[in-house]
């Protein structure tokens, strides 16, 4: 009997993460784990989705990451898709020259180190998966090309996430793991505060999560098209 493909999405109790969960479960038939710091919120978000359940996961807490992946290992023994979606703090009211570095470090804890911690924990399970994929949800704010002032914590942490994407893609390619960064664009989430509909932004993430085995790796995309780093 063919086992269902399994996806984990971090920060999935709302916004882009929740919509990617809906698209992967309902449109592509994956079983989806909605990672959420608050398990109750994750469970609520999973209701109404086919083939979906919640798992408690705070990416900025190594103990929480270890606990969640031990649960995945025991319950499933593999992972096919990881979507590093959890992100924090559009610090539009900061400047690099006067930044509150404690605030910047908090952004890095989630936007970079959280994603990195999760990727490390996921790698052994992804190597046991079918057509394994890692999608790092990034931002045009992290593109070095055209980067200006403002939003230092968020923008620089996303630039670092892009660099991590390239490193992981190179190291995991021999294991068949495709790793890409995706900018969903400016989307009308609670954090974004405006922009295009959530399903449109999520579609590019879903595309990268469901690439064929001969698909790209180590790239940066928006709406399934390459964009500048």
N, C-alpha and C. Protein backbone atom coordinates (compact mmCIF):
# COMPACT_ATOMS: atom_id res chain seq x y z
N UNK A 1 0.84 -1.19 0.00
CA UNK A 1 0.00 0.00 0.00
C UNK A 1 0.88 1.25 0.00
N UNK A 2 0.57 2.20 -0.86
CA UNK A 2 1.35 3.44 -0.95
C UNK A 2 1.03 4.34 0.23
N UNK A 3 2.07 4.79 0.91
CA UNK A 3 1.85 5.68 2.04
C UNK A 3 1.58 7.08 1.53
N UNK A 4 0.74 7.85 2.22
CA UNK A 4 0.47 9.22 1.79
C UNK A 4 1.70 10.09 2.01
N UNK A 5 1.91 11.06 1.11
CA UNK A 5 3.00 12.00 1.30
C UNK A 5 2.65 12.92 2.46
N UNK A 6 3.69 13.30 3.21
CA UNK A 6 3.51 14.04 4.45
C UNK A 6 4.23 15.38 4.36
N UNK A 7 3.51 16.44 4.70
CA UNK A 7 4.09 17.79 4.70
C UNK A 7 3.97 18.40 6.09
N UNK A 8 5.01 19.11 6.48
CA UNK A 8 4.99 19.92 7.70
C UNK A 8 5.13 21.36 7.31
N UNK A 9 4.23 22.20 7.82
CA UNK A 9 4.27 23.64 7.56
C UNK A 9 4.38 24.34 8.90
N UNK A 10 5.42 25.15 9.07
CA UNK A 10 5.56 25.88 10.32
C UNK A 10 4.75 27.17 10.25
N UNK A 11 4.32 27.64 11.42
CA UNK A 11 3.51 28.86 11.47
C UNK A 11 2.25 28.75 10.63
N UNK A 12 1.55 27.61 10.76
CA UNK A 12 0.47 27.28 9.81
C UNK A 12 -0.93 27.50 10.35
N UNK A 13 -1.06 28.15 11.50
CA UNK A 13 -2.41 28.30 12.05
C UNK A 13 -3.18 29.48 11.42
N UNK A 14 -2.52 30.25 10.55
CA UNK A 14 -3.21 31.37 9.90
C UNK A 14 -2.43 31.78 8.65
N UNK A 15 -3.01 32.69 7.89
CA UNK A 15 -2.33 33.34 6.79
C UNK A 15 -1.84 32.40 5.70
N UNK A 16 -0.65 32.69 5.20
CA UNK A 16 -0.09 31.91 4.10
C UNK A 16 0.10 30.46 4.50
N UNK A 17 0.57 30.21 5.71
CA UNK A 17 0.80 28.83 6.14
C UNK A 17 -0.46 28.00 6.12
N UNK A 18 -1.55 28.57 6.61
CA UNK A 18 -2.81 27.84 6.63
C UNK A 18 -3.32 27.60 5.22
N UNK A 19 -3.16 28.57 4.33
CA UNK A 19 -3.61 28.41 2.95
C UNK A 19 -2.76 27.39 2.20
N UNK A 20 -1.45 27.37 2.44
CA UNK A 20 -0.62 26.34 1.83
C UNK A 20 -1.06 24.96 2.32
N UNK A 21 -1.39 24.86 3.60
CA UNK A 21 -1.90 23.60 4.13
C UNK A 21 -3.17 23.17 3.39
N UNK A 22 -4.06 24.13 3.15
CA UNK A 22 -5.30 23.80 2.43
C UNK A 22 -4.98 23.34 1.01
N UNK A 23 -4.10 24.04 0.33
CA UNK A 23 -3.79 23.68 -1.05
C UNK A 23 -3.11 22.32 -1.14
N UNK A 24 -2.17 22.06 -0.25
CA UNK A 24 -1.46 20.78 -0.30
C UNK A 24 -2.37 19.62 0.06
N UNK A 25 -3.25 19.82 1.04
CA UNK A 25 -4.11 18.72 1.48
C UNK A 25 -5.27 18.49 0.52
N UNK A 26 -5.94 19.56 0.14
CA UNK A 26 -7.16 19.41 -0.65
C UNK A 26 -6.91 19.34 -2.15
N UNK A 27 -5.89 20.01 -2.62
CA UNK A 27 -5.63 20.02 -4.07
C UNK A 27 -4.59 18.98 -4.49
N UNK A 28 -3.70 18.60 -3.55
CA UNK A 28 -2.62 17.69 -3.92
C UNK A 28 -2.62 16.39 -3.13
N UNK A 29 -3.52 16.23 -2.19
CA UNK A 29 -3.69 14.96 -1.50
C UNK A 29 -2.64 14.60 -0.47
N UNK A 30 -1.85 15.58 -0.02
CA UNK A 30 -0.87 15.29 1.02
C UNK A 30 -1.54 15.29 2.39
N UNK A 31 -0.98 14.52 3.31
CA UNK A 31 -1.35 14.69 4.72
C UNK A 31 -0.49 15.83 5.25
N UNK A 32 -1.11 16.80 5.88
CA UNK A 32 -0.41 18.01 6.28
C UNK A 32 -0.44 18.17 7.79
N UNK A 33 0.74 18.44 8.35
CA UNK A 33 0.86 18.79 9.77
C UNK A 33 1.00 20.30 9.86
N UNK A 34 0.06 20.92 10.58
CA UNK A 34 0.08 22.36 10.77
C UNK A 34 0.86 22.67 12.04
N UNK A 35 2.10 23.14 11.87
CA UNK A 35 2.89 23.52 13.03
C UNK A 35 2.41 24.84 13.61
N UNK A 36 2.24 24.86 14.93
CA UNK A 36 1.74 26.07 15.58
C UNK A 36 2.29 26.15 17.00
N UNK A 37 2.71 27.35 17.41
CA UNK A 37 3.17 27.52 18.79
C UNK A 37 2.07 27.20 19.79
N UNK A 38 0.84 27.56 19.44
CA UNK A 38 -0.33 27.30 20.27
C UNK A 38 -1.10 26.13 19.64
N UNK A 39 -1.06 24.98 20.29
CA UNK A 39 -1.68 23.79 19.72
C UNK A 39 -3.17 23.97 19.51
N UNK A 40 -3.83 24.70 20.39
CA UNK A 40 -5.27 24.92 20.23
C UNK A 40 -5.56 25.70 18.95
N UNK A 41 -4.75 26.72 18.67
CA UNK A 41 -4.94 27.48 17.44
C UNK A 41 -4.65 26.61 16.21
N UNK A 42 -3.64 25.76 16.32
CA UNK A 42 -3.34 24.87 15.22
C UNK A 42 -4.46 23.87 14.97
N UNK A 43 -5.01 23.34 16.04
CA UNK A 43 -6.11 22.38 15.92
C UNK A 43 -7.33 23.04 15.29
N UNK A 44 -7.61 24.25 15.71
CA UNK A 44 -8.73 24.99 15.12
C UNK A 44 -8.51 25.23 13.64
N UNK A 45 -7.28 25.58 13.26
CA UNK A 45 -6.97 25.85 11.86
C UNK A 45 -7.08 24.59 11.00
N UNK A 46 -6.80 23.43 11.61
CA UNK A 46 -6.85 22.17 10.86
C UNK A 46 -8.28 21.70 10.61
N UNK A 47 -9.22 22.20 11.40
CA UNK A 47 -10.61 21.80 11.21
C UNK A 47 -11.11 22.27 9.84
N UNK A 48 -11.80 21.43 9.17
CA UNK A 48 -12.32 21.78 7.87
C UNK A 48 -11.37 21.46 6.73
N UNK A 49 -10.14 21.08 7.05
CA UNK A 49 -9.20 20.67 6.02
C UNK A 49 -9.18 19.15 5.94
N UNK A 50 -9.09 18.64 4.74
CA UNK A 50 -8.95 17.19 4.59
C UNK A 50 -7.50 16.80 4.82
N UNK A 51 -7.30 15.65 5.44
CA UNK A 51 -5.94 15.11 5.63
C UNK A 51 -5.02 16.08 6.36
N UNK A 52 -5.50 16.69 7.43
CA UNK A 52 -4.68 17.66 8.14
C UNK A 52 -4.83 17.48 9.64
N UNK A 53 -3.74 17.74 10.35
CA UNK A 53 -3.75 17.71 11.80
C UNK A 53 -2.73 18.72 12.30
N UNK A 54 -2.81 19.05 13.57
CA UNK A 54 -1.93 20.06 14.16
C UNK A 54 -0.83 19.41 14.98
N UNK A 55 0.29 20.11 15.05
CA UNK A 55 1.39 19.68 15.91
C UNK A 55 1.97 20.92 16.59
N UNK A 56 2.24 20.81 17.87
CA UNK A 56 2.79 21.95 18.61
C UNK A 56 4.25 22.14 18.21
N UNK A 57 4.59 23.34 17.75
CA UNK A 57 5.94 23.60 17.26
C UNK A 57 6.24 25.08 17.33
N UNK A 58 7.18 25.43 18.19
CA UNK A 58 7.72 26.79 18.27
C UNK A 58 9.13 26.73 17.70
N UNK A 59 9.32 27.27 16.49
CA UNK A 59 10.60 27.11 15.81
C UNK A 59 11.74 27.81 16.53
N UNK A 60 11.43 28.80 17.36
CA UNK A 60 12.46 29.54 18.09
C UNK A 60 12.87 28.85 19.38
N UNK A 61 12.26 27.69 19.66
CA UNK A 61 12.54 26.94 20.89
C UNK A 61 13.09 25.57 20.50
N UNK A 62 14.41 25.34 20.64
CA UNK A 62 14.99 24.06 20.23
C UNK A 62 14.34 22.85 20.89
N UNK A 63 13.91 23.00 22.14
CA UNK A 63 13.24 21.89 22.83
C UNK A 63 11.93 21.54 22.15
N UNK A 64 11.18 22.57 21.75
CA UNK A 64 9.92 22.35 21.05
C UNK A 64 10.16 21.68 19.70
N UNK A 65 11.20 22.11 18.98
CA UNK A 65 11.53 21.51 17.69
C UNK A 65 11.87 20.03 17.86
N UNK A 66 12.71 19.72 18.84
CA UNK A 66 13.11 18.34 19.08
C UNK A 66 11.91 17.47 19.44
N UNK A 67 11.02 18.00 20.27
CA UNK A 67 9.84 17.25 20.67
C UNK A 67 8.93 16.98 19.49
N UNK A 68 8.73 17.99 18.66
CA UNK A 68 7.84 17.83 17.51
C UNK A 68 8.39 16.79 16.53
N UNK A 69 9.68 16.83 16.28
CA UNK A 69 10.24 15.89 15.30
C UNK A 69 10.34 14.48 15.85
N UNK A 70 10.49 14.34 17.15
CA UNK A 70 10.41 13.00 17.72
C UNK A 70 9.00 12.43 17.54
N UNK A 71 7.99 13.28 17.70
CA UNK A 71 6.61 12.85 17.46
C UNK A 71 6.40 12.44 16.00
N UNK A 72 6.94 13.24 15.08
CA UNK A 72 6.81 12.90 13.66
C UNK A 72 7.52 11.59 13.36
N UNK A 73 8.69 11.41 13.93
CA UNK A 73 9.45 10.18 13.69
C UNK A 73 8.68 8.96 14.18
N UNK A 74 8.11 9.08 15.38
CA UNK A 74 7.38 7.95 15.94
C UNK A 74 6.08 7.68 15.19
N UNK A 75 5.37 8.73 14.81
CA UNK A 75 4.05 8.56 14.19
C UNK A 75 4.12 8.22 12.71
N UNK A 76 5.15 8.75 12.01
CA UNK A 76 5.19 8.60 10.55
C UNK A 76 6.48 7.97 10.03
N UNK A 77 7.59 8.28 10.66
CA UNK A 77 8.86 7.70 10.25
C UNK A 77 9.49 8.33 9.03
N UNK A 78 8.87 9.36 8.48
CA UNK A 78 9.40 10.03 7.29
C UNK A 78 8.77 11.40 7.17
N UNK A 79 9.28 12.20 6.26
CA UNK A 79 8.70 13.49 5.92
C UNK A 79 9.01 13.74 4.45
N UNK A 80 8.03 14.24 3.71
CA UNK A 80 8.22 14.48 2.28
C UNK A 80 8.37 15.95 1.92
N UNK A 81 7.71 16.82 2.67
CA UNK A 81 7.75 18.26 2.38
C UNK A 81 7.90 19.03 3.69
N UNK A 82 8.83 19.96 3.72
CA UNK A 82 8.96 20.92 4.82
C UNK A 82 8.77 22.31 4.24
N UNK A 83 7.83 23.05 4.79
CA UNK A 83 7.64 24.45 4.42
C UNK A 83 7.99 25.30 5.64
N UNK A 84 9.13 25.96 5.57
CA UNK A 84 9.55 26.87 6.64
C UNK A 84 8.84 28.21 6.43
N UNK A 85 7.65 28.31 6.99
CA UNK A 85 6.80 29.48 6.78
C UNK A 85 6.83 30.45 7.95
N UNK A 86 7.11 29.98 9.16
CA UNK A 86 7.03 30.84 10.34
C UNK A 86 7.96 32.04 10.19
N UNK A 87 7.43 33.22 10.43
CA UNK A 87 8.22 34.45 10.32
C UNK A 87 7.63 35.54 11.19
N UNK A 88 8.47 36.48 11.58
CA UNK A 88 8.01 37.53 12.49
C UNK A 88 8.58 38.89 12.10
N UNK A 89 7.87 39.92 12.50
CA UNK A 89 8.35 41.30 12.67
C UNK A 89 8.77 42.03 11.40
N UNK A 90 7.77 42.57 10.71
CA UNK A 90 8.06 43.58 9.69
C UNK A 90 8.46 44.86 10.43
N UNK A 91 9.74 45.03 10.70
CA UNK A 91 10.17 46.17 11.53
C UNK A 91 10.35 47.42 10.66
N UNK A 92 9.23 47.85 10.10
CA UNK A 92 9.24 49.01 9.19
C UNK A 92 9.57 50.31 9.92
N UNK A 93 9.45 50.32 11.24
CA UNK A 93 9.73 51.53 12.00
C UNK A 93 11.17 51.56 12.53
N UNK A 94 12.03 50.69 12.00
CA UNK A 94 13.43 50.67 12.41
C UNK A 94 14.34 51.06 11.24
N UNK A 95 15.52 51.53 11.61
CA UNK A 95 16.59 51.80 10.64
C UNK A 95 17.83 51.05 11.10
N UNK A 96 18.63 50.57 10.14
CA UNK A 96 19.83 49.81 10.50
C UNK A 96 20.78 50.61 11.38
N UNK A 97 20.83 51.91 11.16
CA UNK A 97 21.80 52.75 11.88
C UNK A 97 21.39 53.04 13.31
N UNK A 98 20.14 52.75 13.65
CA UNK A 98 19.67 53.00 15.02
C UNK A 98 18.89 51.81 15.57
N UNK A 99 19.06 50.65 15.00
CA UNK A 99 18.20 49.50 15.30
C UNK A 99 18.32 49.04 16.75
N UNK A 100 17.21 48.55 17.27
CA UNK A 100 17.18 47.84 18.54
C UNK A 100 17.64 46.42 18.25
N UNK A 101 18.87 46.10 18.60
CA UNK A 101 19.43 44.80 18.21
C UNK A 101 18.80 43.64 18.97
N UNK A 102 18.23 43.90 20.14
CA UNK A 102 17.50 42.83 20.83
C UNK A 102 16.30 42.41 19.99
N UNK A 103 15.65 43.40 19.39
CA UNK A 103 14.52 43.10 18.51
C UNK A 103 14.98 42.37 17.25
N UNK A 104 16.11 42.78 16.70
CA UNK A 104 16.67 42.12 15.52
C UNK A 104 17.00 40.67 15.83
N UNK A 105 17.60 40.43 17.00
CA UNK A 105 17.94 39.05 17.38
C UNK A 105 16.68 38.19 17.50
N UNK A 106 15.61 38.75 18.00
CA UNK A 106 14.35 37.98 18.08
C UNK A 106 13.85 37.61 16.69
N UNK A 107 14.00 38.54 15.75
CA UNK A 107 13.61 38.23 14.37
C UNK A 107 14.47 37.11 13.80
N UNK A 108 15.77 37.18 14.04
CA UNK A 108 16.67 36.14 13.54
C UNK A 108 16.35 34.78 14.18
N UNK A 109 15.95 34.78 15.45
CA UNK A 109 15.65 33.52 16.13
C UNK A 109 14.56 32.74 15.42
N UNK A 110 13.59 33.45 14.85
CA UNK A 110 12.52 32.78 14.11
C UNK A 110 12.83 32.69 12.63
N UNK A 111 13.16 33.81 12.02
CA UNK A 111 13.26 33.86 10.56
C UNK A 111 14.45 33.11 9.99
N UNK A 112 15.55 33.05 10.74
CA UNK A 112 16.72 32.31 10.28
C UNK A 112 16.99 31.07 11.13
N UNK A 113 17.31 31.27 12.40
CA UNK A 113 17.73 30.14 13.22
C UNK A 113 16.60 29.14 13.44
N UNK A 114 15.37 29.63 13.52
CA UNK A 114 14.24 28.71 13.64
C UNK A 114 14.12 27.82 12.42
N UNK A 115 14.18 28.44 11.24
CA UNK A 115 14.10 27.66 10.00
C UNK A 115 15.28 26.70 9.89
N UNK A 116 16.45 27.15 10.32
CA UNK A 116 17.65 26.32 10.25
C UNK A 116 17.52 25.13 11.20
N UNK A 117 17.07 25.38 12.43
CA UNK A 117 16.88 24.31 13.40
C UNK A 117 15.91 23.26 12.88
N UNK A 118 14.82 23.73 12.28
CA UNK A 118 13.82 22.81 11.74
C UNK A 118 14.38 22.02 10.57
N UNK A 119 15.15 22.67 9.71
CA UNK A 119 15.73 21.97 8.56
C UNK A 119 16.70 20.88 9.01
N UNK A 120 17.50 21.17 10.03
CA UNK A 120 18.42 20.16 10.56
C UNK A 120 17.64 18.96 11.09
N UNK A 121 16.58 19.24 11.85
CA UNK A 121 15.78 18.16 12.42
C UNK A 121 15.05 17.37 11.34
N UNK A 122 14.66 18.07 10.27
CA UNK A 122 13.87 17.42 9.21
C UNK A 122 14.71 16.59 8.26
N UNK A 123 15.99 16.93 8.09
CA UNK A 123 16.81 16.31 7.04
C UNK A 123 16.81 14.78 7.09
N UNK A 124 17.00 14.13 8.24
CA UNK A 124 16.99 12.66 8.24
C UNK A 124 15.65 12.07 7.80
N UNK A 125 14.55 12.72 8.15
CA UNK A 125 13.23 12.22 7.76
C UNK A 125 12.95 12.49 6.29
N UNK A 126 13.43 13.62 5.78
CA UNK A 126 13.25 13.93 4.37
C UNK A 126 14.01 12.94 3.49
N UNK A 127 15.17 12.49 3.95
CA UNK A 127 15.95 11.52 3.18
C UNK A 127 15.22 10.18 3.07
N UNK A 128 14.26 9.95 3.94
CA UNK A 128 13.43 8.74 3.88
C UNK A 128 12.14 8.97 3.12
N UNK A 129 11.93 10.21 2.66
CA UNK A 129 10.68 10.59 2.01
C UNK A 129 10.69 10.32 0.52
N UNK A 130 9.55 10.62 -0.09
CA UNK A 130 9.36 10.49 -1.53
C UNK A 130 9.36 11.87 -2.15
N UNK A 131 10.22 12.09 -3.14
CA UNK A 131 10.34 13.40 -3.78
C UNK A 131 10.39 14.52 -2.73
N UNK A 132 11.38 14.47 -1.83
CA UNK A 132 11.42 15.43 -0.72
C UNK A 132 11.72 16.86 -1.17
N UNK A 133 11.07 17.79 -0.48
CA UNK A 133 11.18 19.21 -0.81
C UNK A 133 11.30 20.03 0.48
N UNK A 134 12.12 21.08 0.42
CA UNK A 134 12.13 22.12 1.45
C UNK A 134 11.81 23.43 0.76
N UNK A 135 10.86 24.16 1.30
CA UNK A 135 10.52 25.49 0.80
C UNK A 135 10.72 26.49 1.94
N UNK A 136 11.62 27.42 1.74
CA UNK A 136 11.82 28.49 2.72
C UNK A 136 11.04 29.71 2.26
N UNK A 137 10.05 30.09 3.03
CA UNK A 137 9.23 31.25 2.66
C UNK A 137 10.03 32.50 3.00
N UNK A 138 10.47 33.19 1.95
CA UNK A 138 11.35 34.34 2.09
C UNK A 138 10.58 35.61 1.72
N UNK A 139 11.30 36.59 1.22
CA UNK A 139 10.68 37.88 0.91
C UNK A 139 11.59 38.66 -0.03
N UNK A 140 10.98 39.45 -0.88
CA UNK A 140 11.76 40.37 -1.69
C UNK A 140 12.55 41.35 -0.84
N UNK A 141 12.12 41.55 0.40
CA UNK A 141 12.86 42.42 1.31
C UNK A 141 14.23 41.86 1.64
N UNK A 142 14.43 40.56 1.39
CA UNK A 142 15.72 39.93 1.63
C UNK A 142 16.61 39.86 0.40
N UNK A 143 16.14 40.40 -0.72
CA UNK A 143 16.95 40.39 -1.94
C UNK A 143 18.03 41.46 -1.86
N UNK A 144 19.27 41.08 -2.08
CA UNK A 144 20.37 42.05 -2.03
C UNK A 144 20.28 43.04 -3.19
N UNK A 145 19.77 42.56 -4.32
CA UNK A 145 19.60 43.44 -5.47
C UNK A 145 18.53 44.47 -5.16
N UNK A 146 18.92 45.71 -5.14
CA UNK A 146 17.95 46.77 -4.87
C UNK A 146 17.62 46.98 -3.41
N UNK A 147 18.30 46.28 -2.50
CA UNK A 147 18.01 46.45 -1.08
C UNK A 147 18.40 47.86 -0.63
N UNK A 148 17.47 48.53 0.01
CA UNK A 148 17.75 49.86 0.55
C UNK A 148 17.65 49.86 2.05
N UNK A 149 17.33 51.00 2.61
CA UNK A 149 17.22 51.11 4.05
C UNK A 149 15.86 50.65 4.54
N UNK A 150 15.71 50.61 5.85
CA UNK A 150 14.45 50.22 6.47
C UNK A 150 14.31 48.72 6.65
N UNK A 151 13.47 48.33 7.58
CA UNK A 151 13.15 46.94 7.87
C UNK A 151 14.42 46.10 8.06
N UNK A 152 15.36 46.53 8.90
CA UNK A 152 16.65 45.84 8.95
C UNK A 152 16.58 44.43 9.51
N UNK A 153 15.83 44.23 10.59
CA UNK A 153 15.76 42.90 11.17
C UNK A 153 15.13 41.90 10.24
N UNK A 154 13.97 42.27 9.68
CA UNK A 154 13.26 41.36 8.79
C UNK A 154 14.04 41.15 7.49
N UNK A 155 14.48 42.23 6.86
CA UNK A 155 15.15 42.12 5.57
C UNK A 155 16.45 41.35 5.64
N UNK A 156 17.27 41.63 6.65
CA UNK A 156 18.57 40.96 6.74
C UNK A 156 18.39 39.51 7.15
N UNK A 157 17.42 39.22 8.00
CA UNK A 157 17.18 37.83 8.38
C UNK A 157 16.69 37.02 7.18
N UNK A 158 15.91 37.63 6.30
CA UNK A 158 15.45 36.93 5.10
C UNK A 158 16.58 36.76 4.09
N UNK A 159 17.49 37.74 4.01
CA UNK A 159 18.67 37.57 3.16
C UNK A 159 19.51 36.38 3.65
N UNK A 160 19.64 36.26 4.95
CA UNK A 160 20.37 35.13 5.51
C UNK A 160 19.64 33.81 5.24
N UNK A 161 18.30 33.83 5.29
CA UNK A 161 17.53 32.64 4.96
C UNK A 161 17.76 32.23 3.50
N UNK A 162 17.87 33.20 2.62
CA UNK A 162 18.18 32.90 1.23
C UNK A 162 19.54 32.22 1.10
N UNK A 163 20.52 32.71 1.85
CA UNK A 163 21.85 32.09 1.82
C UNK A 163 21.78 30.66 2.34
N UNK A 164 21.01 30.44 3.40
CA UNK A 164 20.82 29.09 3.92
C UNK A 164 20.19 28.18 2.87
N UNK A 165 19.26 28.72 2.10
CA UNK A 165 18.63 27.95 1.03
C UNK A 165 19.67 27.41 0.06
N UNK A 166 20.59 28.26 -0.35
CA UNK A 166 21.63 27.85 -1.31
C UNK A 166 22.51 26.76 -0.70
N UNK A 167 22.90 26.93 0.56
CA UNK A 167 23.74 25.93 1.23
C UNK A 167 23.02 24.58 1.33
N UNK A 168 21.77 24.60 1.78
CA UNK A 168 21.03 23.34 1.94
C UNK A 168 20.80 22.67 0.59
N UNK A 169 20.50 23.47 -0.43
CA UNK A 169 20.26 22.89 -1.75
C UNK A 169 21.50 22.15 -2.25
N UNK A 170 22.66 22.76 -2.08
CA UNK A 170 23.90 22.13 -2.54
C UNK A 170 24.19 20.85 -1.77
N UNK A 171 23.96 20.87 -0.47
CA UNK A 171 24.30 19.72 0.36
C UNK A 171 23.31 18.56 0.22
N UNK A 172 22.05 18.85 -0.05
CA UNK A 172 21.02 17.81 -0.06
C UNK A 172 20.64 17.35 -1.46
N UNK A 173 21.23 17.94 -2.48
CA UNK A 173 20.86 17.58 -3.84
C UNK A 173 21.12 16.11 -4.14
N UNK A 174 22.22 15.57 -3.60
CA UNK A 174 22.55 14.17 -3.87
C UNK A 174 21.56 13.22 -3.21
N UNK A 175 20.81 13.71 -2.24
CA UNK A 175 19.76 12.90 -1.60
C UNK A 175 18.40 13.10 -2.25
N UNK A 176 18.36 13.88 -3.33
CA UNK A 176 17.11 14.10 -4.03
C UNK A 176 16.21 15.14 -3.41
N UNK A 177 16.73 15.90 -2.43
CA UNK A 177 15.94 16.93 -1.77
C UNK A 177 16.09 18.24 -2.54
N UNK A 178 14.99 18.77 -3.06
CA UNK A 178 15.01 20.07 -3.72
C UNK A 178 14.70 21.15 -2.69
N UNK A 179 15.54 22.18 -2.66
CA UNK A 179 15.41 23.25 -1.66
C UNK A 179 15.34 24.58 -2.38
N UNK A 180 14.27 25.33 -2.16
CA UNK A 180 14.11 26.62 -2.82
C UNK A 180 13.53 27.65 -1.85
N UNK A 181 13.81 28.91 -2.14
CA UNK A 181 13.21 30.03 -1.41
C UNK A 181 12.10 30.63 -2.28
N UNK A 182 11.01 31.02 -1.63
CA UNK A 182 9.87 31.59 -2.35
C UNK A 182 9.43 32.87 -1.67
N UNK A 183 9.31 33.92 -2.47
CA UNK A 183 8.69 35.16 -2.01
C UNK A 183 7.22 35.14 -2.42
N UNK A 184 6.30 35.15 -1.48
CA UNK A 184 4.88 35.14 -1.85
C UNK A 184 4.36 36.49 -2.33
N UNK A 185 5.22 37.52 -2.27
CA UNK A 185 4.76 38.86 -2.61
C UNK A 185 4.08 39.52 -1.43
N UNK A 186 3.61 40.73 -1.65
CA UNK A 186 2.89 41.44 -0.60
C UNK A 186 1.47 40.88 -0.55
N UNK A 187 1.16 40.25 0.57
CA UNK A 187 -0.09 39.48 0.70
C UNK A 187 -0.89 40.01 1.88
N UNK A 188 -2.20 39.93 1.78
CA UNK A 188 -3.10 40.50 2.78
C UNK A 188 -3.23 39.59 4.00
N UNK A 189 -2.10 39.37 4.68
CA UNK A 189 -2.10 38.62 5.94
C UNK A 189 -2.19 39.59 7.10
N UNK A 190 -2.34 39.03 8.32
CA UNK A 190 -2.34 39.88 9.51
C UNK A 190 -1.02 40.63 9.64
N UNK A 191 0.09 39.97 9.30
CA UNK A 191 1.39 40.61 9.42
C UNK A 191 1.64 41.57 8.27
N UNK A 192 1.20 41.18 7.06
CA UNK A 192 1.44 42.02 5.89
C UNK A 192 0.59 43.27 5.87
N UNK A 193 -0.64 43.14 6.32
CA UNK A 193 -1.52 44.29 6.44
C UNK A 193 -2.08 44.83 5.14
N UNK A 194 -2.01 44.07 4.08
CA UNK A 194 -2.55 44.52 2.80
C UNK A 194 -1.97 43.69 1.67
N UNK A 195 -2.27 44.08 0.44
CA UNK A 195 -1.72 43.35 -0.69
C UNK A 195 -2.72 42.41 -1.33
N UNK A 196 -2.21 41.47 -2.11
CA UNK A 196 -3.08 40.60 -2.90
C UNK A 196 -3.67 39.48 -2.05
N UNK A 197 -4.67 38.76 -2.56
CA UNK A 197 -5.30 37.70 -1.77
C UNK A 197 -4.31 36.62 -1.35
N UNK A 198 -4.55 36.08 -0.18
CA UNK A 198 -3.66 35.05 0.38
C UNK A 198 -3.48 33.86 -0.56
N UNK A 199 -4.55 33.33 -1.19
CA UNK A 199 -4.34 32.16 -2.06
C UNK A 199 -3.36 32.41 -3.20
N UNK A 200 -3.30 33.65 -3.70
CA UNK A 200 -2.36 33.95 -4.78
C UNK A 200 -0.92 33.89 -4.29
N UNK A 201 -0.66 34.42 -3.11
CA UNK A 201 0.69 34.36 -2.55
C UNK A 201 1.09 32.95 -2.18
N UNK A 202 0.13 32.18 -1.66
CA UNK A 202 0.42 30.81 -1.24
C UNK A 202 0.69 29.89 -2.41
N UNK A 203 0.13 30.21 -3.58
CA UNK A 203 0.25 29.31 -4.73
C UNK A 203 1.70 29.07 -5.12
N UNK A 204 2.55 30.09 -5.02
CA UNK A 204 3.95 29.92 -5.37
C UNK A 204 4.68 29.00 -4.40
N UNK A 205 4.28 29.04 -3.14
CA UNK A 205 4.86 28.15 -2.14
C UNK A 205 4.45 26.70 -2.43
N UNK A 206 3.15 26.52 -2.73
CA UNK A 206 2.66 25.19 -3.07
C UNK A 206 3.35 24.65 -4.31
N UNK A 207 3.57 25.51 -5.29
CA UNK A 207 4.29 25.10 -6.50
C UNK A 207 5.67 24.52 -6.15
N UNK A 208 6.41 25.22 -5.30
CA UNK A 208 7.75 24.76 -4.93
C UNK A 208 7.71 23.49 -4.10
N UNK A 209 6.65 23.30 -3.33
CA UNK A 209 6.51 22.11 -2.50
C UNK A 209 6.14 20.88 -3.31
N UNK A 210 5.66 21.07 -4.53
CA UNK A 210 5.18 19.96 -5.35
C UNK A 210 5.94 19.86 -6.67
N UNK A 211 7.16 20.37 -6.71
CA UNK A 211 7.97 20.31 -7.92
C UNK A 211 8.21 18.86 -8.35
N UNK A 212 8.32 18.62 -9.64
CA UNK A 212 8.73 17.29 -10.10
C UNK A 212 10.19 17.04 -9.73
N UNK A 213 10.61 15.79 -9.83
CA UNK A 213 11.96 15.44 -9.42
C UNK A 213 13.03 16.13 -10.25
N UNK A 214 12.70 16.54 -11.46
CA UNK A 214 13.67 17.27 -12.29
C UNK A 214 13.50 18.78 -12.18
N UNK A 215 12.81 19.23 -11.12
CA UNK A 215 12.58 20.66 -10.91
C UNK A 215 13.83 21.36 -10.40
N UNK A 216 13.76 22.67 -10.31
CA UNK A 216 14.93 23.45 -9.88
C UNK A 216 15.22 23.29 -8.40
N UNK A 217 16.45 23.55 -8.02
CA UNK A 217 16.83 23.60 -6.62
C UNK A 217 17.85 24.71 -6.43
N UNK A 218 17.85 25.29 -5.23
CA UNK A 218 18.77 26.39 -4.94
C UNK A 218 18.37 27.69 -5.58
N UNK A 219 17.06 27.88 -5.85
CA UNK A 219 16.60 29.09 -6.51
C UNK A 219 15.73 29.95 -5.61
N UNK A 220 15.44 31.14 -6.11
CA UNK A 220 14.59 32.12 -5.42
C UNK A 220 13.48 32.49 -6.40
N UNK A 221 12.23 32.30 -5.99
CA UNK A 221 11.11 32.40 -6.92
C UNK A 221 9.98 33.24 -6.34
N UNK A 222 9.23 33.84 -7.26
CA UNK A 222 7.93 34.44 -6.94
C UNK A 222 6.99 34.03 -8.07
N UNK A 223 5.82 33.50 -7.70
CA UNK A 223 4.84 33.06 -8.68
C UNK A 223 5.46 32.09 -9.71
N UNK A 224 6.31 31.19 -9.21
CA UNK A 224 6.94 30.14 -10.03
C UNK A 224 7.95 30.67 -11.04
N UNK A 225 8.37 31.92 -10.87
CA UNK A 225 9.36 32.51 -11.77
C UNK A 225 10.57 32.97 -10.97
N UNK A 226 11.78 32.75 -11.50
CA UNK A 226 13.00 33.15 -10.77
C UNK A 226 13.03 34.67 -10.56
N UNK A 227 13.52 35.08 -9.41
CA UNK A 227 13.74 36.49 -9.12
C UNK A 227 15.16 36.66 -8.63
N UNK A 228 15.66 37.90 -8.65
CA UNK A 228 17.03 38.17 -8.27
C UNK A 228 17.22 37.98 -6.77
N UNK A 229 18.40 37.47 -6.42
CA UNK A 229 18.79 37.39 -5.03
C UNK A 229 19.08 38.79 -4.49
